[in-house]
Amino acid sequence: MKIEKLVEIIGSDFYTGVPDSQLQALCNYLMNTYGIDQKHHIIAANEGNCAAIAAGYHLSTGKVPVVYMQNSGEGNIINPVASLLNDKVYAIPVIFIVGWRGEPGVHDEPQHIYQGEVTVKLLEDMGIEPFIIGKETTDEEVAKKMEEFNEILKTGKNVAFVIRKGAISYDEKVVYKNDNKMVREEIIGHIVKAAGEDPIVSTTGKASRELFEIREANKQSHKYDFLTVGSMGHSSSIALGIAINKPDTRIWCIDGDGAALMHMGAMAVIGSNKPSNLIHLVINNGAHETVGGMPTVAGNINIVEIAKACGYPNAISVDNFDDLDKELENAKARKELSLIEIKCSLGARADLGRPTTTALENKENFMEFLKTL
């Protein structure tokens, strides 16, 4: 289905969401049509954030907004859907567009398997009526369903279009780029060298994939790394939990700008606890690169000042390898909570692989390693 037709059928003039590779046709269409425009399109920090923005749009206009997201974001919308949008509370109508990663019978990565199994059930349990769009779904079927959805929306209830892999398309291209020079895989290589045999917790997406491949290229064990293949935004909290319970061991957290934004409250908790053995590295390319490259707001904010305001005693930004290496060594030497923001370019190797070990194997090997520390 052409995304232009789906947008026409839905008939809304406001979209807010968190990018998803399965919805890249929609994401690219919105960027080409609106860019980042407060009146028509906002890329939010997390999916609950989207639901609240959508509620504000409805309250101020009386019109029905659209929230787009990967199905992994369903967990983030449960509270605002149940206690804000629900027809037993404020009865705020919202149309959700959900990318169905991990659909049963369709090969996907391990972090998507269970989420894929419960995607439709979760929507139904939240009182959101779903309609699944696949490659064979016709424009007429979608238009007919939208007529039914409009009647549901009038009652203050929510509805959802669940998008199967390859179900929507968009012929125009969007090029996402920034002016930063440092390449993320090289950045992670420098971090690995500085970390030595210290444990590393890495965020979801290409960062963890690149960390795995660097270990392979270096012929190093993967036991040093916990690859947070899902649970976006929570790597720094995982690292905090480890750091608190392994106070004599330096813990490194490789984070991303989109992940740090998604649950930024984690920085306040880390800064308040001030673990002296935690080094928090935020690789900032200003984009949700793993799912297509749509921008985050990280290019418009000062992560270093945010970290300092949250209580980090040390925070600095670097944009070249000489400064990166110097600050990695400084962080190791001072034995005090530190954050390093690393300005990064967009892009990754076309042949970038994925971890060949299972998530369970990763966890067990990492835990065995932590026992020795």
Protein backbone atom coordinates (compact mmCIF):
# COMPACT_ATOMS: atom_id res chain seq x y z
CA MET A 1 0.00 0.00 0.00
CA LYS A 2 1.33 3.43 -0.88
CA ILE A 3 1.81 5.48 2.26
CA GLU A 4 0.28 8.52 0.58
CA LYS A 5 -2.98 6.59 0.24
CA LEU A 6 -2.97 5.46 3.87
CA VAL A 7 -2.38 9.03 5.04
CA GLU A 8 -5.21 10.24 2.77
CA ILE A 9 -7.59 7.61 4.15
CA ILE A 10 -6.73 8.41 7.76
CA GLY A 11 -7.26 12.12 7.12
CA SER A 12 -5.34 13.51 10.10
CA ASP A 13 -3.05 16.54 9.89
CA PHE A 14 -0.99 15.79 13.00
CA TYR A 15 1.47 12.95 13.58
CA THR A 16 3.77 12.29 16.51
CA GLY A 17 5.89 9.23 17.04
CA VAL A 18 9.10 7.34 17.61
CA PRO A 19 10.66 6.07 14.35
CA ASP A 20 10.53 2.42 13.35
CA SER A 21 12.23 0.65 10.45
CA GLN A 22 9.00 -1.16 9.58
CA LEU A 23 7.33 2.24 9.27
CA GLN A 24 10.18 3.86 7.34
CA ALA A 25 7.86 4.63 4.43
CA LEU A 26 5.65 6.66 6.78
CA CYS A 27 8.63 8.27 8.51
CA ASN A 28 10.20 9.35 5.24
CA TYR A 29 6.87 10.64 3.94
CA LEU A 30 6.38 12.75 7.07
CA MET A 31 9.91 14.15 6.84
CA ASN A 32 9.51 14.99 3.16
CA THR A 33 6.05 16.49 3.68
CA TYR A 34 6.41 18.28 7.01
CA GLY A 35 9.95 17.88 8.28
CA ILE A 36 9.91 18.63 12.01
CA ASP A 37 6.93 20.94 12.20
CA GLN A 38 5.21 21.57 15.54
CA LYS A 39 1.85 21.96 13.84
CA HIS A 40 1.98 18.70 11.92
CA HIS A 41 4.82 16.40 13.01
CA ILE A 42 6.79 15.88 16.23
CA ILE A 43 9.34 13.12 16.84
CA ALA A 44 9.01 12.43 20.55
CA ALA A 45 11.40 11.00 23.14
CA ASN A 46 9.30 7.91 23.84
CA GLU A 47 5.90 6.52 22.98
CA GLY A 48 4.21 7.62 26.21
CA ASN A 49 5.47 11.11 25.40
CA CYS A 50 3.75 10.75 22.00
CA ALA A 51 0.43 9.75 23.57
CA ALA A 52 0.50 12.81 25.84
CA ILE A 53 1.41 15.16 22.98
CA ALA A 54 -1.44 13.66 20.97
CA ALA A 55 -3.80 14.27 23.90
CA GLY A 56 -2.76 17.90 24.01
CA TYR A 57 -3.36 18.22 20.28
CA HIS A 58 -6.88 16.84 20.64
CA LEU A 59 -7.69 19.01 23.66
CA SER A 60 -6.67 22.16 21.79
CA THR A 61 -8.13 21.36 18.36
CA GLY A 62 -10.89 18.80 18.84
CA LYS A 63 -9.31 16.78 16.02
CA VAL A 64 -7.94 13.22 16.00
CA PRO A 65 -4.14 12.80 16.08
CA VAL A 66 -1.98 9.90 14.91
CA VAL A 67 0.75 8.24 17.00
CA TYR A 68 3.25 6.02 15.16
CA MET A 69 5.66 3.59 16.80
CA GLN A 70 7.30 0.20 16.75
CA ASN A 71 5.35 -2.42 18.70
CA SER A 72 8.13 -2.40 21.32
CA GLY A 73 6.68 0.96 22.35
CA GLU A 74 3.37 -0.51 23.44
CA GLY A 75 4.71 -0.89 26.95
CA ASN A 76 5.46 2.83 27.09
CA ILE A 77 1.89 3.79 26.16
CA ILE A 78 0.05 1.55 28.63
CA ASN A 79 -0.14 4.16 31.39
CA PRO A 80 -1.27 7.15 29.29
CA VAL A 81 -3.67 4.97 27.31
CA ALA A 82 -5.23 3.52 30.46
CA SER A 83 -5.29 6.63 32.64
CA LEU A 84 -5.48 9.51 30.15
CA LEU A 85 -6.88 8.50 26.75
CA ASN A 86 -9.28 5.79 27.87
CA ASP A 87 -13.01 6.44 27.37
CA LYS A 88 -13.61 5.81 31.10
CA VAL A 89 -11.27 8.73 31.88
CA TYR A 90 -10.93 11.62 29.37
CA ALA A 91 -12.12 9.75 26.26
CA ILE A 92 -9.42 11.16 23.98
CA PRO A 93 -9.46 9.53 20.51
CA VAL A 94 -6.11 8.59 18.97
CA ILE A 95 -5.18 6.58 15.88
CA PHE A 96 -2.10 4.42 16.46
CA ILE A 97 0.09 3.12 13.63
CA VAL A 98 2.18 0.23 14.95
CA GLY A 99 5.04 -1.51 13.16
CA TRP A 100 4.72 -5.24 13.81
CA ARG A 101 8.23 -6.48 14.52
CA GLY A 102 8.52 -10.14 15.51
CA GLU A 103 5.24 -11.16 13.90
CA PRO A 104 4.78 -14.91 14.50
CA GLY A 105 6.09 -16.83 11.50
CA VAL A 106 8.28 -13.95 10.30
CA HIS A 107 11.99 -14.16 11.16
CA ASP A 108 13.20 -11.35 13.40
CA GLU A 109 15.70 -10.57 16.14
CA PRO A 110 15.30 -12.13 19.63
CA GLN A 111 14.20 -8.92 21.34
CA HIS A 112 11.16 -8.80 19.05
CA ILE A 113 9.95 -12.39 19.38
CA TYR A 114 7.77 -12.15 22.51
CA GLN A 115 6.69 -8.57 21.76
CA GLY A 116 5.57 -9.78 18.36
CA GLU A 117 3.53 -12.56 19.89
CA VAL A 118 1.58 -10.21 22.18
CA THR A 119 1.33 -7.15 19.92
CA VAL A 120 -2.32 -7.50 18.93
CA LYS A 121 -3.40 -8.86 22.32
CA LEU A 122 -1.83 -5.92 24.15
CA LEU A 123 -3.72 -3.49 21.95
CA GLU A 124 -6.97 -5.32 22.57
CA ASP A 125 -6.30 -5.49 26.32
CA MET A 126 -5.83 -1.70 26.29
CA GLY A 127 -9.19 -1.27 24.57
CA ILE A 128 -7.58 -0.32 21.25
CA GLU A 129 -9.27 -1.99 18.28
CA PRO A 130 -6.62 -3.20 15.80
CA PHE A 131 -6.69 -3.69 12.04
CA ILE A 132 -3.78 -5.48 10.42
CA ILE A 133 -2.41 -4.18 7.12
CA GLY A 134 -0.37 -6.63 5.06
CA LYS A 135 1.00 -6.69 1.54
CA GLU A 136 -2.28 -8.07 0.22
CA THR A 137 -4.54 -5.56 1.99
CA THR A 138 -6.33 -3.34 -0.53
CA ASP A 139 -6.91 0.39 -0.34
CA GLU A 140 -10.64 -0.32 -0.34
CA GLU A 141 -10.35 -2.59 2.72
CA VAL A 142 -8.43 0.08 4.60
CA ALA A 143 -10.92 2.79 3.61
CA LYS A 144 -13.84 0.65 4.76
CA LYS A 145 -12.13 -0.06 8.08
CA MET A 146 -11.38 3.66 8.53
CA GLU A 147 -15.09 4.38 8.19
CA GLU A 148 -15.70 1.95 11.07
CA PHE A 149 -12.81 3.43 13.02
CA ASN A 150 -14.26 6.93 12.67
CA GLU A 151 -17.42 5.79 14.44
CA ILE A 152 -15.31 4.26 17.24
CA LEU A 153 -13.20 7.41 17.54
CA LYS A 154 -16.36 9.51 17.99
CA THR A 155 -16.97 7.61 21.25
CA GLY A 156 -13.55 8.62 22.61
CA LYS A 157 -11.95 5.24 22.05
CA ASN A 158 -8.65 4.44 20.33
CA VAL A 159 -7.89 2.39 17.23
CA ALA A 160 -4.74 1.02 15.61
CA PHE A 161 -3.40 0.04 12.22
CA VAL A 162 -0.85 -2.75 12.73
CA ILE A 163 1.63 -2.76 9.85
CA ARG A 164 3.16 -6.02 8.70
CA LYS A 165 6.65 -6.15 7.20
CA GLY A 166 6.70 -4.68 3.69
CA ALA A 167 3.04 -3.64 3.81
CA ILE A 168 3.56 0.07 3.10
CA SER A 169 5.81 1.78 0.57
CA TYR A 170 7.04 5.23 -0.43
CA ASP A 171 8.94 5.96 -3.62
CA GLU A 172 10.69 9.17 -2.55
CA LYS A 173 14.05 9.04 -0.77
CA VAL A 174 15.23 11.01 2.23
CA VAL A 175 18.94 11.51 2.99
CA TYR A 176 19.77 11.95 6.66
CA LYS A 177 23.20 13.32 7.55
CA ASN A 178 25.11 15.56 9.93
CA ASP A 179 28.46 17.35 9.89
CA ASN A 180 30.23 15.18 12.48
CA LYS A 181 33.36 13.33 11.38
CA MET A 182 33.81 10.48 13.86
CA VAL A 183 32.48 7.06 12.83
CA ARG A 184 30.63 5.13 15.54
CA GLU A 185 32.33 1.77 14.95
CA GLU A 186 35.74 3.44 15.28
CA ILE A 187 34.55 5.24 18.41
CA ILE A 188 33.52 1.94 19.97
CA GLY A 189 36.89 0.47 19.00
CA HIS A 190 38.63 3.23 20.98
CA ILE A 191 36.31 2.59 23.94
CA VAL A 192 37.03 -1.15 23.85
CA LYS A 193 40.77 -0.46 23.90
CA ALA A 194 40.43 1.92 26.86
CA ALA A 195 38.11 -0.42 28.78
CA GLY A 196 40.50 -3.37 28.63
CA GLU A 197 38.90 -6.18 30.61
CA ASP A 198 36.26 -4.01 32.30
CA PRO A 199 32.59 -4.89 31.78
CA ILE A 200 30.70 -2.93 29.12
CA VAL A 201 26.93 -2.47 28.86
CA SER A 202 25.90 -1.33 25.38
CA THR A 203 22.64 0.10 24.12
CA THR A 204 20.24 -1.37 21.59
CA GLY A 205 20.77 -1.04 17.86
CA LYS A 206 23.91 -0.80 15.78
CA ALA A 207 26.15 0.09 18.73
CA SER A 208 25.77 -3.40 20.22
CA ARG A 209 26.15 -5.01 16.80
CA GLU A 210 29.37 -3.09 16.22
CA LEU A 211 30.68 -3.93 19.68
CA PHE A 212 30.10 -7.62 18.94
CA GLU A 213 31.93 -7.38 15.61
CA ILE A 214 34.84 -5.51 17.16
CA ARG A 215 35.30 -8.32 19.68
CA GLU A 216 35.22 -10.80 16.80
CA ALA A 217 37.82 -8.84 14.81
CA ASN A 218 40.03 -8.51 17.91
CA LYS A 219 39.58 -12.22 18.71
CA GLN A 220 38.37 -11.19 22.18
CA SER A 221 35.81 -12.89 24.36
CA HIS A 222 32.24 -11.59 24.37
CA LYS A 223 31.99 -12.26 28.10
CA TYR A 224 32.95 -8.65 28.87
CA ASP A 225 29.83 -7.21 27.23
CA PHE A 226 26.14 -7.09 28.03
CA LEU A 227 24.41 -6.30 24.74
CA THR A 228 21.08 -4.63 25.49
CA VAL A 229 19.49 -5.75 22.23
CA GLY A 230 16.04 -4.43 23.27
CA SER A 231 14.71 -2.32 26.12
CA MET A 232 15.74 0.96 24.52
CA GLY A 233 16.72 3.68 26.95
CA HIS A 234 17.53 1.37 29.86
CA SER A 235 21.20 0.48 29.32
CA SER A 236 22.44 3.18 31.67
CA SER A 237 20.12 1.91 34.40
CA ILE A 238 21.38 -1.64 33.89
CA ALA A 239 24.92 -0.31 34.18
CA LEU A 240 23.99 1.57 37.36
CA GLY A 241 22.60 -1.61 38.92
CA ILE A 242 25.83 -3.44 38.10
CA ALA A 243 28.07 -0.59 39.26
CA ILE A 244 26.35 -0.39 42.64
CA ASN A 245 26.81 -4.10 43.24
CA LYS A 246 30.35 -4.31 41.87
CA PRO A 247 31.82 -1.18 43.52
CA ASP A 248 35.44 -2.23 42.98
CA THR A 249 34.99 -2.76 39.23
CA ARG A 250 34.88 -0.01 36.61
CA ILE A 251 31.69 -0.28 34.51
CA TRP A 252 31.35 1.30 31.07
CA CYS A 253 28.01 2.15 29.47
CA ILE A 254 27.87 2.77 25.72
CA ASP A 255 24.66 4.74 25.22
CA GLY A 256 23.04 6.51 22.27
CA ASP A 257 21.36 9.88 22.04
CA GLY A 258 17.94 8.45 21.18
CA ALA A 259 18.19 5.96 24.02
CA ALA A 260 19.37 8.58 26.53
CA LEU A 261 16.45 10.81 25.55
CA MET A 262 13.90 8.01 25.75
CA HIS A 263 14.28 7.63 29.51
CA MET A 264 16.27 10.69 30.51
CA GLY A 265 15.15 10.36 34.12
CA ALA A 266 17.76 7.62 34.40
CA MET A 267 20.46 10.31 34.31
CA ALA A 268 18.94 12.00 37.34
CA VAL A 269 19.00 8.71 39.26
CA ILE A 270 22.59 8.00 38.21
CA GLY A 271 23.68 11.53 39.10
CA SER A 272 21.99 11.29 42.46
CA ASN A 273 23.65 7.97 43.31
CA LYS A 274 27.05 9.03 41.89
CA PRO A 275 28.65 5.60 41.45
CA SER A 276 32.37 6.34 41.33
CA ASN A 277 33.00 3.33 39.09
CA LEU A 278 30.61 4.20 36.22
CA ILE A 279 31.66 5.82 32.95
CA HIS A 280 28.63 6.84 30.86
CA LEU A 281 29.37 7.33 27.16
CA VAL A 282 26.66 8.92 25.01
CA ILE A 283 27.41 8.53 21.31
CA ASN A 284 25.40 11.34 19.76
CA ASN A 285 24.66 11.36 16.03
CA GLY A 286 21.39 13.23 16.51
CA ALA A 287 19.44 10.42 14.88
CA HIS A 288 17.46 7.22 15.30
CA GLU A 289 19.90 5.63 12.89
CA THR A 290 19.13 1.96 13.43
CA VAL A 291 15.54 2.44 12.29
CA GLY A 292 16.25 4.73 9.35
CA GLY A 293 18.02 7.91 10.43
CA MET A 294 15.18 10.22 11.44
CA PRO A 295 16.43 13.00 13.73
CA THR A 296 16.30 13.14 17.51
CA VAL A 297 16.27 16.43 19.42
CA ALA A 298 19.76 15.65 20.75
CA GLY A 299 21.27 18.09 18.30
CA ASN A 300 19.31 20.92 19.93
CA ILE A 301 20.11 20.26 23.60
CA ASN A 302 23.21 20.32 25.79
CA ILE A 303 23.71 16.80 27.10
CA VAL A 304 26.77 17.82 29.11
CA GLU A 305 24.87 20.52 30.99
CA ILE A 306 21.95 18.16 31.54
CA ALA A 307 24.31 15.60 33.06
CA LYS A 308 25.86 18.21 35.33
CA ALA A 309 22.41 19.42 36.39
CA CYS A 310 21.53 15.79 37.22
CA GLY A 311 24.53 15.58 39.55
CA TYR A 312 27.28 14.09 37.37
CA PRO A 313 30.49 15.56 38.82
CA ASN A 314 32.24 15.18 35.44
CA ALA A 315 30.75 15.68 31.98
CA ILE A 316 32.38 16.72 28.73
CA SER A 317 31.76 16.61 24.98
CA VAL A 318 34.29 15.54 22.33
CA ASP A 319 34.23 15.58 18.55
CA ASN A 320 37.62 14.11 17.59
CA PHE A 321 39.64 11.02 18.44
CA ASP A 322 42.51 12.80 20.18
CA ASP A 323 40.12 14.35 22.68
CA LEU A 324 38.18 11.11 22.99
CA ASP A 325 41.28 9.12 23.92
CA LYS A 326 42.36 11.79 26.40
CA GLU A 327 38.95 11.92 28.08
CA LEU A 328 38.65 8.13 28.25
CA GLU A 329 41.95 8.02 30.13
CA ASN A 330 40.91 10.94 32.36
CA ALA A 331 37.67 9.15 33.25
CA LYS A 332 39.60 6.00 34.13
CA ALA A 333 42.09 7.90 36.29
CA ARG A 334 39.70 10.03 38.32
CA LYS A 335 37.60 7.14 39.69
CA GLU A 336 34.49 9.30 39.81
CA LEU A 337 31.21 9.22 37.91
CA SER A 338 31.85 10.60 34.43
CA LEU A 339 29.89 11.27 31.27
CA ILE A 340 31.45 11.74 27.85
CA GLU A 341 29.26 12.88 24.98
CA ILE A 342 30.82 11.81 21.67
CA LYS A 343 29.69 13.64 18.54
CA CYS A 344 29.26 11.05 15.83
CA SER A 345 28.53 10.90 12.10
CA LEU A 346 25.63 8.99 10.56
CA GLY A 347 26.21 5.69 8.82
CA ALA A 348 27.45 2.16 9.32
CA ARG A 349 29.03 -0.58 7.24
CA ALA A 350 26.62 -2.12 4.72
CA ASP A 351 27.83 -5.58 5.77
CA LEU A 352 27.44 -5.00 9.52
CA GLY A 353 26.46 -8.30 11.07
CA ARG A 354 24.43 -9.25 14.10
CA PRO A 355 25.45 -11.15 17.25
CA THR A 356 25.80 -14.86 16.58
CA THR A 357 25.20 -15.77 20.23
CA THR A 358 21.73 -15.81 21.72
CA ALA A 359 20.59 -13.23 24.24
CA LEU A 360 20.48 -15.95 26.91
CA GLU A 361 24.05 -17.03 26.12
CA ASN A 362 25.16 -13.41 26.33
CA LYS A 363 23.55 -13.00 29.74
CA GLU A 364 24.98 -16.24 31.15
CA ASN A 365 28.53 -15.56 29.90
CA PHE A 366 28.39 -12.00 31.24
CA MET A 367 27.14 -13.14 34.65
CA GLU A 368 29.86 -15.76 34.90
CA PHE A 369 32.42 -13.08 34.14
CA LEU A 370 30.98 -10.73 36.77
CA LYS A 371 31.32 -13.51 39.36
CA THR A 372 35.09 -13.39 38.91
CA LEU A 373 35.33 -9.67 39.72
